[in-house]
N, C-alpha and C. Protein backbone atom coordinates (compact mmCIF):
# COMPACT_ATOMS: atom_id res chain seq x y z
N UNK A 1 0.83 -1.19 0.00
CA UNK A 1 0.00 0.00 0.00
C UNK A 1 0.87 1.25 0.00
N UNK A 2 1.98 1.19 0.73
CA UNK A 2 2.86 2.37 0.76
C UNK A 2 3.41 2.68 -0.63
N UNK A 3 3.66 1.64 -1.42
CA UNK A 3 4.15 1.85 -2.79
C UNK A 3 3.07 2.45 -3.68
N UNK A 4 1.82 2.02 -3.49
CA UNK A 4 0.72 2.58 -4.28
C UNK A 4 0.60 4.08 -4.01
N UNK A 5 0.72 4.47 -2.75
CA UNK A 5 0.63 5.88 -2.39
C UNK A 5 1.79 6.67 -2.98
N UNK A 6 2.97 6.12 -2.88
CA UNK A 6 4.15 6.82 -3.40
C UNK A 6 4.08 6.93 -4.93
N UNK A 7 3.65 5.87 -5.59
CA UNK A 7 3.50 5.91 -7.04
C UNK A 7 2.46 6.95 -7.46
N UNK A 8 1.35 7.01 -6.74
CA UNK A 8 0.32 8.00 -7.05
C UNK A 8 0.88 9.41 -6.90
N UNK A 9 1.63 9.63 -5.83
CA UNK A 9 2.20 10.96 -5.60
C UNK A 9 3.16 11.35 -6.71
N UNK A 10 3.86 10.37 -7.27
CA UNK A 10 4.81 10.66 -8.34
C UNK A 10 4.15 10.77 -9.71
N UNK A 11 3.13 9.97 -9.95
CA UNK A 11 2.53 9.91 -11.28
C UNK A 11 1.44 10.94 -11.52
N UNK A 12 0.71 11.32 -10.51
CA UNK A 12 -0.41 12.24 -10.69
C UNK A 12 0.14 13.65 -10.82
N UNK A 13 0.28 14.08 -12.05
CA UNK A 13 0.89 15.37 -12.34
C UNK A 13 -0.15 16.38 -12.79
N UNK A 14 0.06 17.61 -12.44
CA UNK A 14 -0.75 18.72 -12.93
C UNK A 14 0.01 19.47 -14.02
N UNK A 15 1.28 19.66 -13.80
CA UNK A 15 2.09 20.48 -14.70
C UNK A 15 2.49 19.70 -15.95
N UNK A 16 2.66 20.43 -17.04
CA UNK A 16 3.11 19.79 -18.28
C UNK A 16 4.63 19.62 -18.26
N UNK A 17 5.19 19.15 -19.36
CA UNK A 17 6.63 18.89 -19.42
C UNK A 17 7.47 20.15 -19.27
N UNK A 18 6.87 21.33 -19.48
CA UNK A 18 7.59 22.59 -19.31
C UNK A 18 7.44 23.16 -17.89
N UNK A 19 6.69 22.47 -17.05
CA UNK A 19 6.49 22.95 -15.69
C UNK A 19 5.38 23.97 -15.57
N UNK A 20 4.49 24.02 -16.57
CA UNK A 20 3.39 24.98 -16.56
C UNK A 20 2.06 24.24 -16.40
N UNK A 21 1.07 24.96 -15.86
CA UNK A 21 -0.28 24.42 -15.82
C UNK A 21 -0.83 24.50 -17.24
N UNK A 22 -1.39 23.40 -17.75
CA UNK A 22 -1.95 23.47 -19.11
C UNK A 22 -3.03 24.54 -19.21
N UNK A 23 -3.21 25.07 -20.41
CA UNK A 23 -4.23 26.12 -20.61
C UNK A 23 -5.62 25.60 -20.24
N UNK A 24 -5.87 24.33 -20.50
CA UNK A 24 -7.15 23.71 -20.13
C UNK A 24 -6.87 22.39 -19.43
N UNK A 25 -6.62 22.43 -18.12
CA UNK A 25 -6.36 21.19 -17.39
C UNK A 25 -7.58 20.27 -17.46
N UNK A 26 -7.35 19.01 -17.44
CA UNK A 26 -8.41 18.01 -17.55
C UNK A 26 -9.16 17.87 -16.22
N UNK A 27 -10.38 18.38 -16.20
CA UNK A 27 -11.21 18.24 -15.00
C UNK A 27 -11.44 16.77 -14.67
N UNK A 28 -11.83 15.92 -15.64
CA UNK A 28 -12.06 14.51 -15.30
C UNK A 28 -10.81 13.83 -14.72
N UNK A 29 -9.64 14.13 -15.28
CA UNK A 29 -8.41 13.51 -14.76
C UNK A 29 -8.13 13.98 -13.33
N UNK A 30 -8.30 15.26 -13.09
CA UNK A 30 -8.05 15.79 -11.75
C UNK A 30 -9.08 15.27 -10.74
N UNK A 31 -10.31 15.13 -11.18
CA UNK A 31 -11.34 14.57 -10.30
C UNK A 31 -11.05 13.09 -10.03
N UNK A 32 -10.49 12.40 -11.02
CA UNK A 32 -10.11 11.00 -10.81
C UNK A 32 -8.99 10.90 -9.77
N UNK A 33 -8.07 11.87 -9.77
CA UNK A 33 -7.03 11.90 -8.73
C UNK A 33 -7.70 11.95 -7.36
N UNK A 34 -8.72 12.79 -7.22
CA UNK A 34 -9.43 12.92 -5.94
C UNK A 34 -10.11 11.61 -5.57
N UNK A 35 -10.79 10.99 -6.54
CA UNK A 35 -11.49 9.73 -6.26
C UNK A 35 -10.51 8.63 -5.86
N UNK A 36 -9.39 8.55 -6.58
CA UNK A 36 -8.38 7.54 -6.25
C UNK A 36 -7.73 7.81 -4.90
N UNK A 37 -7.49 9.07 -4.59
CA UNK A 37 -6.92 9.42 -3.28
C UNK A 37 -7.89 9.07 -2.16
N UNK A 38 -9.18 9.28 -2.41
CA UNK A 38 -10.19 8.91 -1.41
C UNK A 38 -10.19 7.40 -1.17
N UNK A 39 -10.05 6.64 -2.24
CA UNK A 39 -10.01 5.18 -2.12
C UNK A 39 -8.76 4.73 -1.36
N UNK A 40 -7.63 5.33 -1.67
CA UNK A 40 -6.40 5.01 -0.95
C UNK A 40 -6.54 5.36 0.53
N UNK A 41 -7.14 6.49 0.82
CA UNK A 41 -7.34 6.89 2.20
C UNK A 41 -8.24 5.90 2.93
N UNK A 42 -9.27 5.43 2.26
CA UNK A 42 -10.17 4.44 2.86
C UNK A 42 -9.41 3.15 3.17
N UNK A 43 -8.51 2.74 2.26
CA UNK A 43 -7.70 1.54 2.48
C UNK A 43 -6.78 1.71 3.69
N UNK A 44 -6.18 2.89 3.81
CA UNK A 44 -5.30 3.15 4.95
C UNK A 44 -6.11 3.14 6.25
N UNK A 45 -7.28 3.71 6.22
CA UNK A 45 -8.14 3.74 7.41
C UNK A 45 -8.56 2.32 7.80
N UNK A 46 -8.91 1.49 6.83
CA UNK A 46 -9.27 0.10 7.13
C UNK A 46 -8.09 -0.66 7.71
N UNK A 47 -6.91 -0.47 7.13
CA UNK A 47 -5.71 -1.13 7.65
C UNK A 47 -5.47 -0.71 9.09
N UNK A 48 -5.61 0.56 9.37
CA UNK A 48 -5.40 1.07 10.73
C UNK A 48 -6.43 0.49 11.69
N UNK A 49 -7.69 0.46 11.27
CA UNK A 49 -8.75 -0.10 12.13
C UNK A 49 -8.53 -1.58 12.38
N UNK A 50 -8.15 -2.32 11.35
CA UNK A 50 -7.88 -3.75 11.52
C UNK A 50 -6.71 -3.97 12.48
N UNK A 51 -5.66 -3.17 12.32
CA UNK A 51 -4.51 -3.32 13.21
C UNK A 51 -4.88 -2.95 14.64
N UNK A 52 -5.73 -1.95 14.80
CA UNK A 52 -6.13 -1.51 16.15
C UNK A 52 -6.91 -2.61 16.87
N UNK A 53 -7.57 -3.49 16.12
CA UNK A 53 -8.32 -4.59 16.73
C UNK A 53 -7.46 -5.84 16.94
N UNK A 54 -6.22 -5.81 16.48
CA UNK A 54 -5.36 -6.99 16.56
C UNK A 54 -4.71 -7.09 17.93
N UNK A 55 -4.21 -8.26 18.26
CA UNK A 55 -3.53 -8.45 19.56
C UNK A 55 -2.13 -7.84 19.60
N UNK A 56 -1.65 -7.28 18.50
CA UNK A 56 -0.29 -6.73 18.45
C UNK A 56 -0.11 -5.49 19.31
N UNK A 57 -1.20 -4.91 19.76
CA UNK A 57 -1.09 -3.66 20.53
C UNK A 57 -0.51 -3.86 21.92
N UNK A 58 -0.36 -5.11 22.33
CA UNK A 58 0.17 -5.37 23.67
C UNK A 58 1.68 -5.15 23.76
N UNK A 59 2.32 -4.99 22.61
CA UNK A 59 3.76 -4.77 22.61
C UNK A 59 4.06 -3.29 22.34
N UNK A 60 5.25 -2.90 22.72
CA UNK A 60 5.69 -1.54 22.44
C UNK A 60 5.74 -1.30 20.94
N UNK A 61 6.23 -2.28 20.20
CA UNK A 61 6.33 -2.14 18.74
C UNK A 61 4.93 -2.01 18.13
N UNK A 62 3.98 -2.78 18.63
CA UNK A 62 2.61 -2.69 18.12
C UNK A 62 2.00 -1.33 18.39
N UNK A 63 2.26 -0.82 19.57
CA UNK A 63 1.74 0.50 19.92
C UNK A 63 2.36 1.59 19.06
N UNK A 64 3.67 1.48 18.83
CA UNK A 64 4.35 2.45 17.98
C UNK A 64 3.86 2.34 16.54
N UNK A 65 3.68 1.12 16.06
CA UNK A 65 3.17 0.92 14.70
C UNK A 65 1.78 1.53 14.57
N UNK A 66 0.95 1.37 15.58
CA UNK A 66 -0.39 1.94 15.52
C UNK A 66 -0.33 3.47 15.46
N UNK A 67 0.60 4.08 16.17
CA UNK A 67 0.74 5.53 16.09
C UNK A 67 1.11 5.96 14.67
N UNK A 68 2.01 5.22 14.03
CA UNK A 68 2.38 5.53 12.64
C UNK A 68 1.17 5.33 11.72
N UNK A 69 0.41 4.26 11.95
CA UNK A 69 -0.77 4.01 11.12
C UNK A 69 -1.83 5.09 11.32
N UNK A 70 -2.01 5.51 12.56
CA UNK A 70 -2.98 6.58 12.84
C UNK A 70 -2.57 7.87 12.15
N UNK A 71 -1.28 8.16 12.15
CA UNK A 71 -0.78 9.33 11.44
C UNK A 71 -1.05 9.19 9.94
N UNK A 72 -0.80 8.01 9.40
CA UNK A 72 -1.05 7.76 7.98
C UNK A 72 -2.52 7.94 7.64
N UNK A 73 -3.40 7.44 8.50
CA UNK A 73 -4.84 7.58 8.25
C UNK A 73 -5.25 9.04 8.26
N UNK A 74 -4.72 9.80 9.18
CA UNK A 74 -5.05 11.23 9.26
C UNK A 74 -4.53 11.99 8.05
N UNK A 75 -3.28 11.78 7.73
CA UNK A 75 -2.66 12.50 6.62
C UNK A 75 -3.32 12.15 5.29
N UNK A 76 -3.61 10.86 5.11
CA UNK A 76 -4.19 10.45 3.82
C UNK A 76 -5.55 11.08 3.58
N UNK A 77 -6.27 11.37 4.65
CA UNK A 77 -7.61 11.95 4.49
C UNK A 77 -7.56 13.39 3.97
N UNK A 78 -6.40 14.01 3.99
CA UNK A 78 -6.28 15.39 3.52
C UNK A 78 -6.00 15.50 2.02
N UNK A 79 -5.58 14.42 1.39
CA UNK A 79 -5.20 14.48 -0.02
C UNK A 79 -6.41 14.70 -0.94
N UNK A 80 -7.46 13.94 -0.76
CA UNK A 80 -8.61 14.02 -1.69
C UNK A 80 -9.21 15.42 -1.76
N UNK A 81 -9.43 16.11 -0.63
CA UNK A 81 -9.99 17.46 -0.75
C UNK A 81 -9.10 18.42 -1.54
N UNK A 82 -7.79 18.27 -1.42
CA UNK A 82 -6.89 19.14 -2.18
C UNK A 82 -6.94 18.82 -3.67
N UNK A 83 -7.04 17.54 -4.00
CA UNK A 83 -7.21 17.18 -5.42
C UNK A 83 -8.55 17.71 -5.95
N UNK A 84 -9.58 17.66 -5.12
CA UNK A 84 -10.89 18.17 -5.53
C UNK A 84 -10.83 19.67 -5.76
N UNK A 85 -10.13 20.40 -4.90
CA UNK A 85 -9.95 21.84 -5.08
C UNK A 85 -9.21 22.13 -6.39
N UNK A 86 -8.23 21.28 -6.71
CA UNK A 86 -7.50 21.45 -7.97
C UNK A 86 -8.46 21.28 -9.15
N UNK A 87 -9.30 20.25 -9.08
CA UNK A 87 -10.27 20.01 -10.15
C UNK A 87 -11.25 21.17 -10.27
N UNK A 88 -11.67 21.69 -9.16
CA UNK A 88 -12.59 22.83 -9.18
C UNK A 88 -11.93 24.04 -9.86
N UNK A 89 -10.66 24.23 -9.58
CA UNK A 89 -9.92 25.32 -10.23
C UNK A 89 -9.84 25.11 -11.74
N UNK A 90 -9.71 23.84 -12.16
CA UNK A 90 -9.66 23.54 -13.60
C UNK A 90 -10.96 23.94 -14.29
N UNK A 91 -12.07 23.82 -13.57
CA UNK A 91 -13.36 24.24 -14.14
C UNK A 91 -13.44 25.76 -14.26
N UNK A 92 -12.91 26.45 -13.29
CA UNK A 92 -13.00 27.92 -13.26
C UNK A 92 -11.98 28.59 -14.18
N UNK A 93 -10.89 27.91 -14.46
CA UNK A 93 -9.81 28.51 -15.23
C UNK A 93 -10.24 29.02 -16.62
N UNK A 94 -10.95 28.24 -17.42
CA UNK A 94 -11.34 28.75 -18.75
C UNK A 94 -12.30 29.95 -18.70
N UNK A 95 -13.01 30.10 -17.61
CA UNK A 95 -13.96 31.21 -17.50
C UNK A 95 -13.31 32.49 -16.99
N UNK A 96 -12.06 32.44 -16.57
CA UNK A 96 -11.41 33.62 -16.02
C UNK A 96 -10.77 34.43 -17.15
N UNK A 97 -11.39 35.55 -17.44
CA UNK A 97 -10.90 36.41 -18.52
C UNK A 97 -9.79 37.34 -18.03
N UNK A 98 -9.85 37.70 -16.77
CA UNK A 98 -8.87 38.61 -16.18
C UNK A 98 -7.55 37.86 -15.96
N UNK A 99 -6.43 38.36 -16.47
CA UNK A 99 -5.14 37.69 -16.29
C UNK A 99 -4.76 37.52 -14.81
N UNK A 100 -5.13 38.48 -13.99
CA UNK A 100 -4.81 38.38 -12.56
C UNK A 100 -5.58 37.22 -11.93
N UNK A 101 -6.86 37.09 -12.28
CA UNK A 101 -7.66 35.98 -11.76
C UNK A 101 -7.10 34.64 -12.24
N UNK A 102 -6.73 34.61 -13.50
CA UNK A 102 -6.18 33.38 -14.08
C UNK A 102 -4.87 33.00 -13.37
N UNK A 103 -4.03 33.99 -13.13
CA UNK A 103 -2.76 33.76 -12.43
C UNK A 103 -3.04 33.23 -11.02
N UNK A 104 -3.98 33.84 -10.32
CA UNK A 104 -4.34 33.41 -8.97
C UNK A 104 -4.85 31.97 -8.99
N UNK A 105 -5.77 31.66 -9.90
CA UNK A 105 -6.32 30.31 -9.99
C UNK A 105 -5.24 29.28 -10.31
N UNK A 106 -4.37 29.63 -11.22
CA UNK A 106 -3.29 28.72 -11.60
C UNK A 106 -2.39 28.42 -10.41
N UNK A 107 -2.00 29.47 -9.71
CA UNK A 107 -1.14 29.28 -8.53
C UNK A 107 -1.85 28.47 -7.45
N UNK A 108 -3.13 28.75 -7.25
CA UNK A 108 -3.90 28.02 -6.25
C UNK A 108 -4.00 26.54 -6.62
N UNK A 109 -4.19 26.26 -7.91
CA UNK A 109 -4.25 24.87 -8.37
C UNK A 109 -2.93 24.16 -8.12
N UNK A 110 -1.84 24.82 -8.43
CA UNK A 110 -0.51 24.22 -8.22
C UNK A 110 -0.29 23.92 -6.74
N UNK A 111 -0.64 24.86 -5.89
CA UNK A 111 -0.46 24.67 -4.45
C UNK A 111 -1.33 23.52 -3.95
N UNK A 112 -2.60 23.47 -4.36
CA UNK A 112 -3.49 22.39 -3.92
C UNK A 112 -3.00 21.03 -4.41
N UNK A 113 -2.61 20.95 -5.67
CA UNK A 113 -2.18 19.67 -6.22
C UNK A 113 -0.87 19.21 -5.56
N UNK A 114 0.04 20.15 -5.37
CA UNK A 114 1.30 19.83 -4.72
C UNK A 114 1.07 19.39 -3.27
N UNK A 115 0.17 20.05 -2.59
CA UNK A 115 -0.14 19.67 -1.20
C UNK A 115 -0.73 18.27 -1.15
N UNK A 116 -1.64 17.97 -2.07
CA UNK A 116 -2.27 16.64 -2.09
C UNK A 116 -1.22 15.55 -2.32
N UNK A 117 -0.32 15.80 -3.26
CA UNK A 117 0.74 14.83 -3.53
C UNK A 117 1.66 14.68 -2.33
N UNK A 118 1.93 15.77 -1.64
CA UNK A 118 2.76 15.70 -0.43
C UNK A 118 2.07 14.88 0.66
N UNK A 119 0.76 15.02 0.79
CA UNK A 119 0.02 14.21 1.76
C UNK A 119 0.14 12.72 1.42
N UNK A 120 0.09 12.38 0.16
CA UNK A 120 0.25 10.98 -0.23
C UNK A 120 1.65 10.47 0.09
N UNK A 121 2.67 11.30 -0.19
CA UNK A 121 4.05 10.90 0.14
C UNK A 121 4.22 10.71 1.64
N UNK A 122 3.69 11.64 2.42
CA UNK A 122 3.83 11.54 3.87
C UNK A 122 3.07 10.33 4.42
N UNK A 123 1.94 10.01 3.80
CA UNK A 123 1.20 8.81 4.21
C UNK A 123 2.05 7.57 3.94
N UNK A 124 2.66 7.52 2.77
CA UNK A 124 3.53 6.40 2.42
C UNK A 124 4.68 6.27 3.42
N UNK A 125 5.26 7.40 3.81
CA UNK A 125 6.35 7.37 4.79
C UNK A 125 5.88 6.84 6.14
N UNK A 126 4.69 7.22 6.57
CA UNK A 126 4.17 6.73 7.85
C UNK A 126 3.89 5.23 7.79
N UNK A 127 3.37 4.76 6.66
CA UNK A 127 3.16 3.32 6.50
C UNK A 127 4.50 2.58 6.50
N UNK A 128 5.49 3.16 5.86
CA UNK A 128 6.84 2.57 5.86
C UNK A 128 7.37 2.48 7.29
N UNK A 129 7.19 3.54 8.06
CA UNK A 129 7.67 3.55 9.44
C UNK A 129 6.96 2.49 10.29
N UNK A 130 5.66 2.32 10.07
CA UNK A 130 4.91 1.29 10.81
C UNK A 130 5.43 -0.10 10.45
N UNK A 131 5.62 -0.35 9.16
CA UNK A 131 6.11 -1.65 8.72
C UNK A 131 7.52 -1.91 9.25
N UNK A 132 8.36 -0.90 9.23
CA UNK A 132 9.73 -1.05 9.74
C UNK A 132 9.72 -1.38 11.23
N UNK A 133 8.86 -0.72 11.97
CA UNK A 133 8.77 -0.99 13.41
C UNK A 133 8.39 -2.45 13.66
N UNK A 134 7.41 -2.93 12.91
CA UNK A 134 6.99 -4.32 13.08
C UNK A 134 8.06 -5.29 12.59
N UNK A 135 8.71 -4.99 11.47
CA UNK A 135 9.80 -5.85 10.98
C UNK A 135 10.94 -5.93 11.98
N UNK A 136 11.31 -4.80 12.56
CA UNK A 136 12.38 -4.78 13.56
C UNK A 136 11.99 -5.62 14.77
N UNK A 137 10.74 -5.50 15.18
CA UNK A 137 10.25 -6.27 16.33
C UNK A 137 10.30 -7.77 16.02
N UNK A 138 9.84 -8.15 14.84
CA UNK A 138 9.84 -9.57 14.47
C UNK A 138 11.27 -10.10 14.35
N UNK A 139 12.18 -9.31 13.82
CA UNK A 139 13.58 -9.73 13.71
C UNK A 139 14.17 -9.94 15.11
N UNK A 140 13.83 -9.06 16.03
CA UNK A 140 14.31 -9.20 17.40
C UNK A 140 13.73 -10.46 18.04
N UNK A 141 12.44 -10.74 17.78
CA UNK A 141 11.81 -11.94 18.33
C UNK A 141 12.47 -13.20 17.77
N UNK A 142 12.79 -13.18 16.47
CA UNK A 142 13.47 -14.34 15.86
C UNK A 142 14.87 -14.51 16.46
N UNK A 143 15.53 -13.40 16.77
CA UNK A 143 16.85 -13.47 17.38
C UNK A 143 16.76 -14.06 18.79
N UNK A 144 15.73 -13.67 19.54
CA UNK A 144 15.59 -14.13 20.91
C UNK A 144 15.10 -15.57 21.01
N UNK A 145 14.36 -16.05 20.04
CA UNK A 145 13.74 -17.37 20.13
C UNK A 145 14.74 -18.48 20.47
N UNK A 146 15.87 -18.59 19.77
CA UNK A 146 16.80 -19.67 20.12
C UNK A 146 17.43 -19.48 21.50
N UNK A 147 17.56 -18.26 21.92
CA UNK A 147 18.20 -17.99 23.21
C UNK A 147 17.29 -18.32 24.38
N UNK A 148 16.00 -18.27 24.18
CA UNK A 148 15.07 -18.48 25.28
C UNK A 148 14.49 -19.89 25.32
N UNK A 149 14.86 -20.74 24.36
CA UNK A 149 14.39 -22.13 24.39
C UNK A 149 15.00 -22.84 25.57
N UNK A 150 14.19 -23.64 26.24
CA UNK A 150 14.69 -24.40 27.39
C UNK A 150 15.25 -25.72 26.92
N UNK A 151 16.34 -26.11 27.49
CA UNK A 151 16.93 -27.41 27.21
C UNK A 151 16.43 -28.36 28.28
N UNK A 152 16.25 -29.62 27.92
CA UNK A 152 15.83 -30.61 28.89
C UNK A 152 14.35 -30.89 28.78
N UNK A 153 13.85 -31.73 29.71
CA UNK A 153 12.44 -32.15 29.64
C UNK A 153 11.52 -30.97 29.95
N UNK A 154 10.30 -31.01 29.42
CA UNK A 154 9.35 -29.94 29.70
C UNK A 154 8.91 -29.98 31.16
N UNK A 155 8.54 -28.84 31.68
CA UNK A 155 8.08 -28.75 33.06
C UNK A 155 6.72 -29.40 33.19
N UNK A 156 6.42 -29.98 34.37
CA UNK A 156 5.09 -30.57 34.56
C UNK A 156 4.05 -29.46 34.59
N UNK A 157 2.79 -29.80 34.26
CA UNK A 157 1.75 -28.77 34.28
C UNK A 157 1.54 -28.25 35.70
N UNK A 158 1.02 -27.05 35.84
CA UNK A 158 0.78 -26.51 37.19
C UNK A 158 -0.30 -27.31 37.89
N UNK A 159 -0.26 -27.33 39.22
CA UNK A 159 -1.27 -28.08 39.96
C UNK A 159 -2.65 -27.42 39.82
N UNK A 160 -3.68 -28.24 39.93
CA UNK A 160 -5.05 -27.73 39.90
C UNK A 160 -5.37 -27.14 41.26
N UNK A 161 -6.52 -26.47 41.41
CA UNK A 161 -6.84 -25.84 42.69
C UNK A 161 -6.87 -26.82 43.87
N UNK A 162 -7.16 -28.10 43.62
CA UNK A 162 -7.19 -29.06 44.74
C UNK A 162 -5.81 -29.64 45.04
N UNK A 163 -4.77 -29.17 44.33
CA UNK A 163 -3.41 -29.55 44.62
C UNK A 163 -2.89 -30.72 43.79
N UNK A 164 -3.72 -31.34 43.01
CA UNK A 164 -3.28 -32.47 42.18
C UNK A 164 -2.73 -31.97 40.84
N UNK A 165 -1.88 -32.78 40.29
CA UNK A 165 -1.35 -32.48 38.96
C UNK A 165 -2.23 -33.18 37.93
N UNK A 166 -2.39 -32.56 36.79
CA UNK A 166 -3.23 -33.14 35.73
C UNK A 166 -2.56 -34.26 35.03
């Protein structure tokens, strides 16, 4: 999922090859960016909710991972509205006859689109941090496993309340 977010942030472009906003930006394409960002945000939120219900929260690593996931869920929710604002600007741009208005709209579109892409990148980074925390924890557990194995026969079961062994 972190790669999908990062790829979206890199591929969803507003500017043309010269670094300019096209004279007539594609409203449908920009609106699709918003719809796709909303879907990605929903996926991040579901992942976070599923993890929050898991037994992994009993560990420090699980708690830290949940904080990273919660950050990702929050940040991802900000991308779609900025993409939507960009699309709205694309609708208004052809109707702006005044060069000052057009310049303002163009700059506002660039800022909104850039902000949305930054939110996707930051979401990807938070997901990466959560995964790294869990990977580090699992690697540590694998390292400890051979060290904590007991040698020799297994211990007898604990006595029952009446004092007998099972």
